[in-house]
Amino acid sequence: MKLYKFLVAITTILAISTSALNAQETEEEILKFNEKSYMEEAPIKKRVPLGEIGHIPTRPKEDYKKNTMLEPMSATAKMRFMQTTMATMPFSLRDLISMMVAKKKALPGLSFDEVIESLKSKALDLNMRPTGHNTPYKILRQTFDPESPRVEFLSFCDLITMRLILDYSLEMSAFLPCRIGVVEDENKQIWLTTLDFDIRWLDTSPNPNRISDDLRERAIRVRENIEKIMDAAATGDF
């Protein structure tokens, strides 16, 4: 019953948040909304010791070779797991995608180009190396719709952390480097988006095959830097 009430509360919050985005907002309201994309103080501030976690069956502690892939899970097993999980979810696919994304709204008066330049400038300040810049909207305007909304993707990376992450999990290559999307909505409002990968979410897992403390701290720092880059771009801070 408690779980049901919790899910209802989350669904209500999502509905209210969505409706709020459609209203005309002041600069102060936008800044307050942007603050919600990252929690500086996690509810669980340190890694939970494995001995304090309930006895849930997991894989045993294993030694692994750096820069190697795990044995693949079959498509059938993945399909069954995901469908079973989704069967207990009250959220739409759109809700779930939104839940996995951190997003910020650029302040009124900032041009798309100014937002892009702020991204690049702040990334340079934080030593996040630029690793790519894609502009698919140009192709869309040439081949599909001359009025297609502008959308660009910029990639940044802490190269040493990337290498250490790949040594731990080569599968993470599917998610790297860190990417920030800059998009226009139907009202010409500019948004910044990124995959909300926060390593602190995983600290309560009972599985003993954890990343090292050093890599954990590096991953947290990268997530914080991405937040700072998006903040700078949303406010036009060069």
C-alpha atoms as a PDB file:
ATOM      1  CA  MET A   1       0.000   0.000   0.000  1.00  0.00           C
ATOM      2  CA  LYS A   2       2.869   2.353   0.825  1.00  0.00           C
ATOM      3  CA  LEU A   3       4.447   1.612  -2.557  1.00  0.00           C
ATOM      4  CA  TYR A   4       1.137   2.361  -4.289  1.00  0.00           C
ATOM      5  CA  LYS A   5       0.825   5.737  -2.514  1.00  0.00           C
ATOM      6  CA  PHE A   6       4.420   6.572  -3.395  1.00  0.00           C
ATOM      7  CA  LEU A   7       3.839   5.806  -7.093  1.00  0.00           C
ATOM      8  CA  VAL A   8       0.651   7.887  -7.089  1.00  0.00           C
ATOM      9  CA  ALA A   9       2.563  10.803  -5.534  1.00  0.00           C
ATOM     10  CA  ILE A  10       5.341  10.577  -8.132  1.00  0.00           C
ATOM     11  CA  THR A  11       2.804  10.426 -10.966  1.00  0.00           C
ATOM     12  CA  THR A  12       1.068  13.538  -9.584  1.00  0.00           C
ATOM     13  CA  ILE A  13       4.357  15.412  -9.337  1.00  0.00           C
ATOM     14  CA  LEU A  14       5.202  14.532 -12.942  1.00  0.00           C
ATOM     15  CA  ALA A  15       1.810  15.764 -14.093  1.00  0.00           C
ATOM     16  CA  ILE A  16       2.156  19.042 -12.191  1.00  0.00           C
ATOM     17  CA  SER A  17       5.710  19.555 -13.476  1.00  0.00           C
ATOM     18  CA  THR A  18       4.615  18.989 -17.062  1.00  0.00           C
ATOM     19  CA  SER A  19       1.731  21.455 -16.804  1.00  0.00           C
ATOM     20  CA  ALA A  20       4.009  24.047 -15.193  1.00  0.00           C
ATOM     21  CA  LEU A  21       6.385  23.954 -18.138  1.00  0.00           C
ATOM     22  CA  ASN A  22       3.640  25.143 -20.444  1.00  0.00           C
ATOM     23  CA  ALA A  23       3.081  28.378 -18.516  1.00  0.00           C
ATOM     24  CA  GLN A  24       4.877  31.672 -19.069  1.00  0.00           C
ATOM     25  CA  GLU A  25       7.675  31.742 -16.532  1.00  0.00           C
ATOM     26  CA  THR A  26       9.712  34.525 -14.999  1.00  0.00           C
ATOM     27  CA  GLU A  27      13.500  34.425 -14.930  1.00  0.00           C
ATOM     28  CA  GLU A  28      13.353  33.588 -11.216  1.00  0.00           C
ATOM     29  CA  GLU A  29      11.007  30.650 -11.873  1.00  0.00           C
ATOM     30  CA  ILE A  30      13.264  29.313 -14.607  1.00  0.00           C
ATOM     31  CA  LEU A  31      16.324  29.470 -12.354  1.00  0.00           C
ATOM     32  CA  LYS A  32      14.412  27.663  -9.604  1.00  0.00           C
ATOM     33  CA  PHE A  33      13.344  24.966 -12.082  1.00  0.00           C
ATOM     34  CA  ASN A  34      16.944  24.565 -13.295  1.00  0.00           C
ATOM     35  CA  GLU A  35      18.148  23.940  -9.729  1.00  0.00           C
ATOM     36  CA  LYS A  36      16.094  20.737  -9.607  1.00  0.00           C
ATOM     37  CA  SER A  37      18.213  18.844 -12.133  1.00  0.00           C
ATOM     38  CA  TYR A  38      20.934  17.818  -9.675  1.00  0.00           C
ATOM     39  CA  MET A  39      20.937  16.978  -5.967  1.00  0.00           C
ATOM     40  CA  GLU A  40      24.178  18.137  -4.366  1.00  0.00           C
ATOM     41  CA  GLU A  41      23.505  16.371  -1.064  1.00  0.00           C
ATOM     42  CA  ALA A  42      22.335  12.831  -1.718  1.00  0.00           C
ATOM     43  CA  PRO A  43      19.956  11.321   0.895  1.00  0.00           C
ATOM     44  CA  ILE A  44      22.539   8.570   1.373  1.00  0.00           C
ATOM     45  CA  LYS A  45      25.750  10.592   1.536  1.00  0.00           C
ATOM     46  CA  LYS A  46      28.270   7.744   1.656  1.00  0.00           C
ATOM     47  CA  ARG A  47      28.462   4.311   0.145  1.00  0.00           C
ATOM     48  CA  VAL A  48      26.362   1.828   2.085  1.00  0.00           C
ATOM     49  CA  PRO A  49      28.616  -0.914   3.531  1.00  0.00           C
ATOM     50  CA  LEU A  50      27.694  -4.270   2.067  1.00  0.00           C
ATOM     51  CA  GLY A  51      27.184  -5.765   5.527  1.00  0.00           C
ATOM     52  CA  GLU A  52      24.338  -3.297   6.202  1.00  0.00           C
ATOM     53  CA  ILE A  53      22.333  -4.338   3.166  1.00  0.00           C
ATOM     54  CA  GLY A  54      19.604  -6.968   3.245  1.00  0.00           C
ATOM     55  CA  HIS A  55      20.472 -10.459   2.091  1.00  0.00           C
ATOM     56  CA  ILE A  56      19.321 -10.302  -1.522  1.00  0.00           C
ATOM     57  CA  PRO A  57      20.816 -12.955  -3.825  1.00  0.00           C
ATOM     58  CA  THR A  58      23.386 -11.414  -6.184  1.00  0.00           C
ATOM     59  CA  ARG A  59      26.388 -12.388  -8.241  1.00  0.00           C
ATOM     60  CA  PRO A  60      29.378 -13.158  -5.982  1.00  0.00           C
ATOM     61  CA  LYS A  61      32.429 -10.923  -5.747  1.00  0.00           C
ATOM     62  CA  GLU A  62      34.465 -11.494  -8.888  1.00  0.00           C
ATOM     63  CA  ASP A  63      37.831 -10.511 -10.242  1.00  0.00           C
ATOM     64  CA  TYR A  64      37.647  -8.946 -13.685  1.00  0.00           C
ATOM     65  CA  LYS A  65      40.120  -8.174 -16.422  1.00  0.00           C
ATOM     66  CA  LYS A  66      40.342  -4.552 -17.487  1.00  0.00           C
ATOM     67  CA  ASN A  67      38.823  -3.444 -20.776  1.00  0.00           C
ATOM     68  CA  THR A  68      36.742  -6.579 -21.350  1.00  0.00           C
ATOM     69  CA  MET A  69      33.081  -7.251 -22.111  1.00  0.00           C
ATOM     70  CA  LEU A  70      30.727  -9.294 -19.943  1.00  0.00           C
ATOM     71  CA  GLU A  71      28.993 -12.299 -21.426  1.00  0.00           C
ATOM     72  CA  PRO A  72      25.932 -10.972 -23.273  1.00  0.00           C
ATOM     73  CA  MET A  73      22.432 -11.416 -21.882  1.00  0.00           C
ATOM     74  CA  SER A  74      20.069 -12.952 -24.400  1.00  0.00           C
ATOM     75  CA  ALA A  75      17.447 -10.794 -26.077  1.00  0.00           C
ATOM     76  CA  THR A  76      14.789 -13.099 -24.605  1.00  0.00           C
ATOM     77  CA  ALA A  77      16.053 -12.611 -21.048  1.00  0.00           C
ATOM     78  CA  LYS A  78      16.236  -8.832 -21.475  1.00  0.00           C
ATOM     79  CA  MET A  79      12.752  -8.707 -22.995  1.00  0.00           C
ATOM     80  CA  ARG A  80      11.239 -10.739 -20.155  1.00  0.00           C
ATOM     81  CA  PHE A  81      12.975  -8.651 -17.493  1.00  0.00           C
ATOM     82  CA  MET A  82      11.951  -5.319 -19.015  1.00  0.00           C
ATOM     83  CA  GLN A  83       8.353  -6.346 -19.723  1.00  0.00           C
ATOM     84  CA  THR A  84       7.948  -7.695 -16.188  1.00  0.00           C
ATOM     85  CA  THR A  85       9.375  -4.467 -14.763  1.00  0.00           C
ATOM     86  CA  MET A  86       7.186  -2.267 -16.975  1.00  0.00           C
ATOM     87  CA  ALA A  87       4.077  -4.223 -15.989  1.00  0.00           C
ATOM     88  CA  THR A  88       4.352  -2.748 -12.475  1.00  0.00           C
ATOM     89  CA  MET A  89       5.011   0.822 -13.651  1.00  0.00           C
ATOM     90  CA  PRO A  90       2.319   3.536 -13.654  1.00  0.00           C
ATOM     91  CA  PHE A  91       4.417   5.734 -15.938  1.00  0.00           C
ATOM     92  CA  SER A  92       4.261   6.198 -19.689  1.00  0.00           C
ATOM     93  CA  LEU A  93       7.336   5.653 -21.811  1.00  0.00           C
ATOM     94  CA  ARG A  94       7.592   9.433 -22.141  1.00  0.00           C
ATOM     95  CA  ASP A  95       7.566   9.764 -18.327  1.00  0.00           C
ATOM     96  CA  LEU A  96      10.361   7.210 -17.962  1.00  0.00           C
ATOM     97  CA  ILE A  97      12.520   8.902 -20.591  1.00  0.00           C
ATOM     98  CA  SER A  98      12.013  12.228 -18.824  1.00  0.00           C
ATOM     99  CA  MET A  99      13.024  10.592 -15.538  1.00  0.00           C
ATOM    100  CA  MET A 100      16.367   9.520 -17.041  1.00  0.00           C
ATOM    101  CA  VAL A 101      17.159  13.012 -18.322  1.00  0.00           C
ATOM    102  CA  ALA A 102      18.416  16.156 -16.580  1.00  0.00           C
ATOM    103  CA  LYS A 103      17.158  19.308 -18.299  1.00  0.00           C
ATOM    104  CA  LYS A 104      17.551  23.039 -17.951  1.00  0.00           C
ATOM    105  CA  LYS A 105      15.739  25.907 -19.601  1.00  0.00           C
ATOM    106  CA  ALA A 106      17.769  28.767 -21.082  1.00  0.00           C
ATOM    107  CA  LEU A 107      16.862  32.227 -19.844  1.00  0.00           C
ATOM    108  CA  PRO A 108      14.791  34.476 -22.140  1.00  0.00           C
ATOM    109  CA  GLY A 109      16.825  36.651 -24.484  1.00  0.00           C
ATOM    110  CA  LEU A 110      19.649  34.157 -25.025  1.00  0.00           C
ATOM    111  CA  SER A 111      20.179  33.118 -28.628  1.00  0.00           C
ATOM    112  CA  PHE A 112      20.871  29.529 -29.625  1.00  0.00           C
ATOM    113  CA  ASP A 113      24.418  30.473 -30.648  1.00  0.00           C
ATOM    114  CA  GLU A 114      25.057  32.174 -27.303  1.00  0.00           C
ATOM    115  CA  VAL A 115      23.973  29.022 -25.474  1.00  0.00           C
ATOM    116  CA  ILE A 116      26.351  26.928 -27.609  1.00  0.00           C
ATOM    117  CA  GLU A 117      29.277  29.278 -26.998  1.00  0.00           C
ATOM    118  CA  SER A 118      28.614  29.291 -23.249  1.00  0.00           C
ATOM    119  CA  LEU A 119      28.677  25.487 -23.245  1.00  0.00           C
ATOM    120  CA  LYS A 120      32.039  25.399 -24.979  1.00  0.00           C
ATOM    121  CA  SER A 121      33.535  28.121 -22.797  1.00  0.00           C
ATOM    122  CA  LYS A 122      32.525  26.560 -19.472  1.00  0.00           C
ATOM    123  CA  ALA A 123      33.644  23.092 -20.586  1.00  0.00           C
ATOM    124  CA  LEU A 124      37.075  24.538 -21.357  1.00  0.00           C
ATOM    125  CA  ASP A 125      37.236  26.130 -17.894  1.00  0.00           C
ATOM    126  CA  LEU A 126      36.501  22.750 -16.289  1.00  0.00           C
ATOM    127  CA  ASN A 127      38.969  20.829 -18.471  1.00  0.00           C
ATOM    128  CA  MET A 128      36.187  18.801 -20.081  1.00  0.00           C
ATOM    129  CA  ARG A 129      37.561  18.063 -23.525  1.00  0.00           C
ATOM    130  CA  PRO A 130      35.264  18.631 -26.529  1.00  0.00           C
ATOM    131  CA  THR A 131      34.913  15.349 -28.429  1.00  0.00           C
ATOM    132  CA  GLY A 132      32.151  16.085 -30.910  1.00  0.00           C
ATOM    133  CA  HIS A 133      29.578  18.567 -32.200  1.00  0.00           C
ATOM    134  CA  ASN A 134      26.696  17.398 -34.387  1.00  0.00           C
ATOM    135  CA  THR A 135      24.154  19.620 -36.143  1.00  0.00           C
ATOM    136  CA  PRO A 136      21.462  17.279 -37.573  1.00  0.00           C
ATOM    137  CA  TYR A 137      18.947  20.113 -37.934  1.00  0.00           C
ATOM    138  CA  LYS A 138      20.887  21.362 -40.982  1.00  0.00           C
ATOM    139  CA  ILE A 139      20.289  18.089 -42.824  1.00  0.00           C
ATOM    140  CA  LEU A 140      16.654  18.021 -41.707  1.00  0.00           C
ATOM    141  CA  ARG A 141      16.099  21.524 -43.091  1.00  0.00           C
ATOM    142  CA  GLN A 142      17.625  20.514 -46.413  1.00  0.00           C
ATOM    143  CA  THR A 143      15.893  17.165 -46.838  1.00  0.00           C
ATOM    144  CA  PHE A 144      12.726  17.174 -44.734  1.00  0.00           C
ATOM    145  CA  ASP A 145      11.404  20.518 -43.468  1.00  0.00           C
ATOM    146  CA  PRO A 146      12.973  23.992 -43.949  1.00  0.00           C
ATOM    147  CA  GLU A 147      11.373  25.019 -40.636  1.00  0.00           C
ATOM    148  CA  SER A 148      12.617  22.017 -38.654  1.00  0.00           C
ATOM    149  CA  PRO A 149      13.460  23.142 -35.072  1.00  0.00           C
ATOM    150  CA  ARG A 150      17.133  23.548 -34.313  1.00  0.00           C
ATOM    151  CA  VAL A 151      18.818  20.713 -32.455  1.00  0.00           C
ATOM    152  CA  GLU A 152      22.535  20.227 -31.780  1.00  0.00           C
ATOM    153  CA  PHE A 153      24.528  17.714 -29.748  1.00  0.00           C
ATOM    154  CA  LEU A 154      27.844  18.502 -28.082  1.00  0.00           C
ATOM    155  CA  SER A 155      30.080  15.911 -26.429  1.00  0.00           C
ATOM    156  CA  PHE A 156      32.574  16.513 -23.637  1.00  0.00           C
ATOM    157  CA  CYS A 157      34.856  14.167 -21.750  1.00  0.00           C
ATOM    158  CA  ASP A 158      37.245  13.816 -18.844  1.00  0.00           C
ATOM    159  CA  LEU A 159      39.521  11.497 -20.795  1.00  0.00           C
ATOM    160  CA  ILE A 160      41.247   9.810 -17.840  1.00  0.00           C
ATOM    161  CA  THR A 161      37.923   9.064 -16.150  1.00  0.00           C
ATOM    162  CA  MET A 162      36.564   7.729 -19.435  1.00  0.00           C
ATOM    163  CA  ARG A 163      39.474   5.326 -19.748  1.00  0.00           C
ATOM    164  CA  LEU A 164      39.046   4.090 -16.159  1.00  0.00           C
ATOM    165  CA  ILE A 165      35.309   3.593 -16.666  1.00  0.00           C
ATOM    166  CA  LEU A 166      35.921   1.574 -19.834  1.00  0.00           C
ATOM    167  CA  ASP A 167      38.467  -0.557 -17.982  1.00  0.00           C
ATOM    168  CA  TYR A 168      35.717  -1.375 -15.478  1.00  0.00           C
ATOM    169  CA  SER A 169      32.869  -1.756 -17.981  1.00  0.00           C
ATOM    170  CA  LEU A 170      33.567  -1.743 -21.702  1.00  0.00           C
ATOM    171  CA  GLU A 171      29.804  -1.718 -22.246  1.00  0.00           C
ATOM    172  CA  MET A 172      29.793   1.891 -21.029  1.00  0.00           C
ATOM    173  CA  SER A 173      31.170   2.822 -24.448  1.00  0.00           C
ATOM    174  CA  ALA A 174      27.513   2.925 -25.513  1.00  0.00           C
ATOM    175  CA  PHE A 175      26.948   5.914 -23.217  1.00  0.00           C
ATOM    176  CA  LEU A 176      30.228   7.794 -23.575  1.00  0.00           C
ATOM    177  CA  PRO A 177      31.303  10.517 -23.951  1.00  0.00           C
ATOM    178  CA  CYS A 178      29.025  12.800 -21.945  1.00  0.00           C
ATOM    179  CA  ARG A 179      26.592  14.455 -24.341  1.00  0.00           C
ATOM    180  CA  ILE A 180      24.553  17.620 -23.961  1.00  0.00           C
ATOM    181  CA  GLY A 181      21.647  18.265 -26.294  1.00  0.00           C
ATOM    182  CA  VAL A 182      20.576  21.815 -27.149  1.00  0.00           C
ATOM    183  CA  VAL A 183      17.054  21.886 -28.554  1.00  0.00           C
ATOM    184  CA  GLU A 184      14.226  24.266 -29.408  1.00  0.00           C
ATOM    185  CA  ASP A 185      10.680  23.427 -28.355  1.00  0.00           C
ATOM    186  CA  GLU A 186       7.565  24.456 -30.254  1.00  0.00           C
ATOM    187  CA  ASN A 187       7.619  27.876 -28.589  1.00  0.00           C
ATOM    188  CA  LYS A 188      11.249  28.533 -29.659  1.00  0.00           C
ATOM    189  CA  GLN A 189      12.323  28.042 -26.052  1.00  0.00           C
ATOM    190  CA  ILE A 190      15.870  26.678 -25.787  1.00  0.00           C
ATOM    191  CA  TRP A 191      16.507  23.635 -23.575  1.00  0.00           C
ATOM    192  CA  LEU A 192      19.642  21.789 -22.478  1.00  0.00           C
ATOM    193  CA  THR A 193      19.446  18.047 -21.817  1.00  0.00           C
ATOM    194  CA  THR A 194      21.782  15.265 -20.733  1.00  0.00           C
ATOM    195  CA  LEU A 195      21.564  11.653 -19.599  1.00  0.00           C
ATOM    196  CA  ASP A 196      21.142  11.881 -15.825  1.00  0.00           C
ATOM    197  CA  PHE A 197      23.723   9.277 -14.873  1.00  0.00           C
ATOM    198  CA  ASP A 198      24.497   9.741 -11.183  1.00  0.00           C
ATOM    199  CA  ILE A 199      26.732   7.031  -9.728  1.00  0.00           C
ATOM    200  CA  ARG A 200      25.336   7.740  -6.244  1.00  0.00           C
ATOM    201  CA  TRP A 201      22.105   6.018  -7.245  1.00  0.00           C
ATOM    202  CA  LEU A 202      23.936   2.710  -7.305  1.00  0.00           C
ATOM    203  CA  ASP A 203      25.487   2.840  -3.833  1.00  0.00           C
ATOM    204  CA  THR A 204      22.669   0.848  -2.242  1.00  0.00           C
ATOM    205  CA  SER A 205      23.008  -2.136  -4.554  1.00  0.00           C
ATOM    206  CA  PRO A 206      23.833  -5.321  -2.616  1.00  0.00           C
ATOM    207  CA  ASN A 207      26.001  -6.594  -5.482  1.00  0.00           C
ATOM    208  CA  PRO A 208      29.627  -6.674  -4.255  1.00  0.00           C
ATOM    209  CA  ASN A 209      31.147  -5.958  -7.679  1.00  0.00           C
ATOM    210  CA  ARG A 210      31.451  -2.234  -7.117  1.00  0.00           C
ATOM    211  CA  ILE A 211      33.645   0.359  -8.735  1.00  0.00           C
ATOM    212  CA  SER A 212      36.637   1.638  -6.781  1.00  0.00           C
ATOM    213  CA  ASP A 213      36.295   4.601  -4.438  1.00  0.00           C
ATOM    214  CA  ASP A 214      38.556   6.660  -6.695  1.00  0.00           C
ATOM    215  CA  LEU A 215      36.488   5.958  -9.804  1.00  0.00           C
ATOM    216  CA  ARG A 216      33.293   6.694  -7.891  1.00  0.00           C
ATOM    217  CA  GLU A 217      34.604  10.126  -6.907  1.00  0.00           C
ATOM    218  CA  ARG A 218      35.740  10.805 -10.471  1.00  0.00           C
ATOM    219  CA  ALA A 219      32.305   9.871 -11.836  1.00  0.00           C
ATOM    220  CA  ILE A 220      30.593  12.177  -9.332  1.00  0.00           C
ATOM    221  CA  ARG A 221      32.927  15.018 -10.325  1.00  0.00           C
ATOM    222  CA  VAL A 222      32.148  14.520 -14.026  1.00  0.00           C
ATOM    223  CA  ARG A 223      28.404  14.662 -13.316  1.00  0.00           C
ATOM    224  CA  GLU A 224      28.916  17.856 -11.297  1.00  0.00           C
ATOM    225  CA  ASN A 225      30.932  19.384 -14.132  1.00  0.00           C
ATOM    226  CA  ILE A 226      28.229  18.587 -16.677  1.00  0.00           C
ATOM    227  CA  GLU A 227      25.770  20.337 -14.351  1.00  0.00           C
ATOM    228  CA  LYS A 228      28.013  23.411 -14.169  1.00  0.00           C
ATOM    229  CA  ILE A 229      28.391  23.478 -17.971  1.00  0.00           C
ATOM    230  CA  MET A 230      24.617  23.331 -18.445  1.00  0.00           C
ATOM    231  CA  ASP A 231      24.059  26.015 -15.788  1.00  0.00           C
ATOM    232  CA  ALA A 232      26.497  28.338 -17.535  1.00  0.00           C
ATOM    233  CA  ALA A 233      24.835  27.800 -20.901  1.00  0.00           C
ATOM    234  CA  ALA A 234      21.324  28.296 -19.477  1.00  0.00           C
ATOM    235  CA  THR A 235      22.309  31.681 -18.049  1.00  0.00           C
ATOM    236  CA  GLY A 236      24.633  32.842 -20.847  1.00  0.00           C
ATOM    237  CA  ASP A 237      27.682  32.790 -18.570  1.00  0.00           C
ATOM    238  CA  PHE A 238      30.789  32.972 -20.785  1.00  0.00           C
END
